[in-house]
Amino acid sequence: MIVLSIDSSTECASCALVSDEKLIGEINYNSKKQHSIILMPMVDKLLKDFKLTLEDIDGFVVSKGPGSFTGLRIGMSMVKGLSQGTNKPFVSISSLDALAFNFPCSNSIVCPILDALRDNVYTALYYFNDGNLNKLTDYMTLYIDDLIEMIKKYNSPVIFVGDAVPKFKDKLANNILNTYFAPNHLNVVKASSLGELGIKKLLNKEYDNLYTSVPIYLRKPQAEREYEKKMSIKNE
């Protein structure tokens, strides 16, 4: 099986070709370039470099978030279009799951953190058992101080990974014992991780529905929150 996986949940745009035996190829652009402009050329280059076409792809994998609202919509729309156009299945995987999957041999709690602005993070807690990824919590949006207090209760070593690590590294290290941090190259959501997790679902035929599958937002878009706040003040 060969899958094409795509992530656009953060500033890093990523696409990968993954088989059930190996990573075939991957492209990562960690910049503020618009995903709507660069993703399709990235996918086109990746396929051409390995002399493959969409007909050679058995299924698609996309990040369902949490993350950038606009980025998630771009990635989901793109993969749905590819799925419908080729009549091939697709599955969606959480960006937090993909980050946690970077540490399959860890005996520590794995805590991915993605920047949700205003000292908030998108997060969840994970552990591995016999190489299998398990969730300790649901996906959450938490104020960083609340996350620190929650983690302290587990009294366990913890690995932090994600694009919010540089922003909160000192604070986390100063407030939590036995704290470890991922190296920089693992702090981005990689399509290869999504692809490997997605292959398991595709092989089990746990396909997403083309019409009902939606991203994980965890909170309302900023524009919608500001509108509700404006209307609330107006009605007082």
Protein backbone atom coordinates (compact mmCIF):
# COMPACT_ATOMS: atom_id res chain seq x y z
CA MET A 1 0.00 0.00 0.00
CA ILE A 2 1.21 3.52 -0.85
CA VAL A 3 -0.43 6.54 0.74
CA LEU A 4 -0.07 10.26 0.16
CA SER A 5 -0.23 12.19 3.42
CA ILE A 6 -0.58 15.93 3.91
CA ASP A 7 -0.29 18.25 6.89
CA SER A 8 -1.18 21.93 6.91
CA SER A 9 -2.18 22.35 10.55
CA THR A 10 0.68 24.73 11.47
CA GLU A 11 3.13 27.03 9.69
CA CYS A 12 4.96 23.91 8.48
CA ALA A 13 3.55 22.47 5.27
CA SER A 14 4.37 18.80 4.85
CA CYS A 15 3.61 16.04 2.38
CA ALA A 16 4.89 12.48 2.23
CA LEU A 17 4.66 9.23 0.33
CA VAL A 18 4.55 6.33 2.76
CA SER A 19 4.17 2.61 2.18
CA ASP A 20 3.45 -0.11 4.72
CA GLU A 21 7.16 -0.98 4.49
CA LYS A 22 9.00 2.35 4.41
CA LEU A 23 8.98 6.11 4.06
CA ILE A 24 9.34 6.73 0.33
CA GLY A 25 9.81 10.50 0.37
CA GLU A 26 8.85 13.65 2.25
CA ILE A 27 8.92 17.42 1.76
CA ASN A 28 8.69 19.89 4.66
CA TYR A 29 8.54 23.68 4.34
CA ASN A 30 8.60 25.33 7.75
CA SER A 31 7.77 28.91 6.82
CA LYS A 32 4.89 31.35 6.68
CA LYS A 33 4.24 30.71 3.01
CA GLN A 34 0.57 30.21 2.16
CA HIS A 35 -0.41 26.56 2.18
CA SER A 36 -3.00 27.20 -0.52
CA ILE A 37 -0.16 28.20 -2.85
CA ILE A 38 2.60 25.72 -2.02
CA LEU A 39 0.88 22.44 -1.10
CA MET A 40 -0.18 21.26 -4.56
CA PRO A 41 3.24 22.06 -6.14
CA MET A 42 4.86 20.13 -3.26
CA VAL A 43 2.66 17.11 -3.90
CA ASP A 44 3.24 17.34 -7.65
CA LYS A 45 7.03 17.45 -7.18
CA LEU A 46 6.97 14.52 -4.75
CA LEU A 47 5.01 12.34 -7.16
CA LYS A 48 7.17 13.30 -10.15
CA ASP A 49 10.41 12.67 -8.24
CA PHE A 50 9.35 9.06 -7.69
CA LYS A 51 7.69 8.66 -11.09
CA LEU A 52 4.27 8.08 -9.54
CA THR A 53 0.80 9.37 -10.37
CA LEU A 54 -2.34 9.65 -8.30
CA GLU A 55 -3.46 6.36 -9.82
CA ASP A 56 -0.58 4.68 -7.98
CA ILE A 57 -1.83 5.97 -4.63
CA ASP A 58 -4.01 3.60 -2.58
CA GLY A 59 -5.30 6.16 -0.12
CA PHE A 60 -4.82 9.59 1.41
CA VAL A 61 -4.09 10.82 4.94
CA VAL A 62 -4.63 14.34 6.23
CA SER A 63 -4.19 16.13 9.53
CA LYS A 64 -7.49 16.98 11.19
CA GLY A 65 -5.91 19.26 13.76
CA PRO A 66 -6.02 20.98 16.07
CA GLY A 67 -4.08 23.86 14.60
CA SER A 68 -4.50 26.74 12.21
CA PHE A 69 -8.15 27.10 11.23
CA THR A 70 -7.35 28.20 7.68
CA GLY A 71 -4.59 25.63 7.26
CA LEU A 72 -6.80 22.78 8.39
CA ARG A 73 -9.55 23.73 5.98
CA ILE A 74 -7.05 23.91 3.10
CA GLY A 75 -5.59 20.48 3.85
CA MET A 76 -8.95 18.81 4.41
CA SER A 77 -10.44 20.30 1.24
CA MET A 78 -7.43 19.27 -0.79
CA VAL A 79 -7.47 15.66 0.38
CA LYS A 80 -11.23 15.37 -0.01
CA GLY A 81 -10.85 16.60 -3.57
CA LEU A 82 -8.10 14.07 -4.29
CA SER A 83 -10.13 11.29 -2.69
CA GLN A 84 -13.27 12.10 -4.65
CA GLY A 85 -11.40 12.65 -7.91
CA THR A 86 -9.55 9.32 -7.73
CA ASN A 87 -12.25 7.32 -5.94
CA LYS A 88 -9.65 6.34 -3.32
CA PRO A 89 -10.32 6.39 0.46
CA PHE A 90 -8.91 8.88 2.94
CA VAL A 91 -8.48 9.04 6.70
CA SER A 92 -7.75 11.94 9.05
CA ILE A 93 -5.31 11.85 11.96
CA SER A 94 -4.83 14.37 14.76
CA SER A 95 -1.75 16.58 14.51
CA LEU A 96 -1.20 15.90 18.23
CA ASP A 97 -1.22 12.13 17.62
CA ALA A 98 1.39 12.59 14.89
CA LEU A 99 3.68 14.58 17.19
CA ALA A 100 3.38 12.06 20.02
CA PHE A 101 4.12 9.22 17.58
CA ASN A 102 7.69 10.52 17.31
CA PHE A 103 8.57 8.79 20.62
CA PRO A 104 7.37 5.16 20.40
CA CYS A 105 10.07 3.78 22.71
CA SER A 106 9.58 6.30 25.48
CA ASN A 107 8.66 5.31 29.03
CA SER A 108 7.67 8.91 29.77
CA ILE A 109 4.43 10.74 29.25
CA VAL A 110 4.51 12.46 25.87
CA CYS A 111 2.92 15.90 25.75
CA PRO A 112 2.62 17.59 22.33
CA ILE A 113 1.96 21.31 22.53
CA LEU A 114 0.93 23.50 19.61
CA ASP A 115 0.73 27.26 20.00
CA ALA A 116 -2.89 28.40 20.40
CA LEU A 117 -1.86 32.03 21.12
CA ARG A 118 -2.34 34.12 24.26
CA ASP A 119 -0.36 31.63 26.37
CA ASN A 120 -2.68 28.78 25.41
CA VAL A 121 -1.71 25.48 23.81
CA TYR A 122 -3.46 22.69 21.97
CA THR A 123 -2.44 19.54 23.78
CA ALA A 124 -3.15 16.02 24.98
CA LEU A 125 -1.18 13.50 27.06
CA TYR A 126 -0.01 10.15 25.70
CA TYR A 127 1.87 7.02 26.72
CA PHE A 128 3.16 4.02 24.80
CA ASN A 129 2.43 0.39 25.61
CA ASP A 130 4.18 -2.27 23.52
CA GLY A 131 4.85 0.36 20.89
CA ASN A 132 1.19 1.36 20.65
CA LEU A 133 0.16 4.99 21.12
CA ASN A 134 -2.43 5.55 23.87
CA LYS A 135 -4.14 8.73 25.04
CA LEU A 136 -4.26 9.68 28.71
CA THR A 137 -6.50 12.67 28.02
CA ASP A 138 -8.72 14.01 25.30
CA TYR A 139 -7.59 16.83 23.00
CA MET A 140 -7.63 20.12 24.88
CA THR A 141 -6.97 23.83 24.67
CA LEU A 142 -5.29 24.85 27.93
CA TYR A 143 -3.66 27.89 29.45
CA ILE A 144 0.00 26.93 29.91
CA ASP A 145 -0.15 27.32 33.71
CA ASP A 146 -3.13 24.97 33.86
CA LEU A 147 -1.23 22.41 31.79
CA ILE A 148 1.71 22.61 34.19
CA GLU A 149 -0.52 21.97 37.20
CA MET A 150 -2.21 19.04 35.47
CA ILE A 151 1.08 17.38 34.54
CA LYS A 152 2.43 17.73 38.08
CA LYS A 153 -0.33 15.43 39.32
CA TYR A 154 1.01 12.53 37.25
CA ASN A 155 4.39 12.62 39.02
CA SER A 156 6.04 11.20 35.92
CA PRO A 157 8.80 12.19 33.51
CA VAL A 158 7.37 14.04 30.53
CA ILE A 159 8.58 14.79 27.00
CA PHE A 160 7.33 17.98 25.37
CA VAL A 161 7.16 18.22 21.59
CA GLY A 162 5.62 20.74 19.20
CA ASP A 163 5.93 24.26 17.85
CA ALA A 164 5.12 25.79 21.26
CA VAL A 165 8.20 24.19 22.89
CA PRO A 166 10.58 27.12 22.14
CA LYS A 167 8.02 29.58 23.51
CA PHE A 168 7.42 27.79 26.82
CA LYS A 169 10.58 25.70 27.29
CA ASP A 170 12.05 27.71 30.17
CA LYS A 171 8.75 27.94 32.02
CA LEU A 172 8.09 24.22 31.70
CA ALA A 173 11.63 23.28 32.79
CA ASN A 174 11.46 25.57 35.81
CA ASN A 175 8.11 24.25 37.02
CA ILE A 176 8.10 20.52 36.23
CA LEU A 177 10.64 17.94 37.38
CA ASN A 178 12.06 15.33 34.96
CA THR A 179 11.22 17.41 31.91
CA TYR A 180 12.60 16.60 28.47
CA PHE A 181 12.24 18.41 25.18
CA ALA A 182 12.19 17.14 21.62
CA PRO A 183 14.97 18.25 19.26
CA ASN A 184 13.99 20.96 16.80
CA HIS A 185 13.53 18.63 13.83
CA LEU A 186 10.76 16.77 15.67
CA ASN A 187 8.83 19.86 16.78
CA VAL A 188 6.93 20.10 13.49
CA VAL A 189 4.01 17.93 12.47
CA LYS A 190 5.37 15.63 9.75
CA ALA A 191 3.28 14.06 7.04
CA SER A 192 5.36 10.90 7.38
CA SER A 193 4.08 10.38 10.94
CA LEU A 194 0.52 11.04 9.79
CA GLY A 195 1.02 8.57 6.96
CA GLU A 196 2.25 5.76 9.15
CA LEU A 197 -0.63 6.20 11.58
CA GLY A 198 -3.06 6.55 8.68
CA ILE A 199 -1.96 3.34 6.97
CA LYS A 200 -3.15 1.36 9.98
CA LYS A 201 -6.62 2.86 9.64
CA LEU A 202 -6.69 2.40 5.87
CA LEU A 203 -5.69 -1.26 6.15
CA ASN A 204 -8.51 -1.74 8.66
CA LYS A 205 -10.88 0.12 6.29
CA GLU A 206 -11.61 2.74 8.93
CA TYR A 207 -12.23 5.36 6.25
CA ASP A 208 -13.40 8.92 6.83
CA ASN A 209 -16.68 9.98 5.30
CA LEU A 210 -16.23 12.42 2.44
CA TYR A 211 -19.22 14.51 3.51
CA THR A 212 -19.08 14.42 7.32
CA SER A 213 -15.37 14.42 8.16
CA VAL A 214 -14.34 17.77 9.65
CA PRO A 215 -11.24 19.19 11.37
CA ILE A 216 -10.78 19.34 15.15
CA TYR A 217 -10.97 23.02 15.99
CA LEU A 218 -11.34 22.81 19.82
CA ARG A 219 -12.45 26.44 19.88
CA LYS A 220 -14.28 28.86 17.66
CA PRO A 221 -12.38 30.93 15.08
CA GLN A 222 -11.15 34.30 16.36
CA ALA A 223 -13.43 36.21 13.98
CA GLU A 224 -16.46 34.34 15.33
CA ARG A 225 -15.40 34.92 18.95
CA GLU A 226 -14.92 38.65 18.32
CA TYR A 227 -18.31 38.85 16.62
CA GLU A 228 -20.04 37.14 19.55
CA LYS A 229 -18.26 39.48 21.97
CA LYS A 230 -19.32 42.49 19.92
CA MET A 231 -22.94 41.33 19.83
CA SER A 232 -22.90 40.59 23.55
CA ILE A 233 -21.76 44.15 24.33
CA LYS A 234 -24.29 45.55 21.89
CA ASN A 235 -27.16 43.69 23.59
CA GLU A 236 -26.23 44.73 27.14
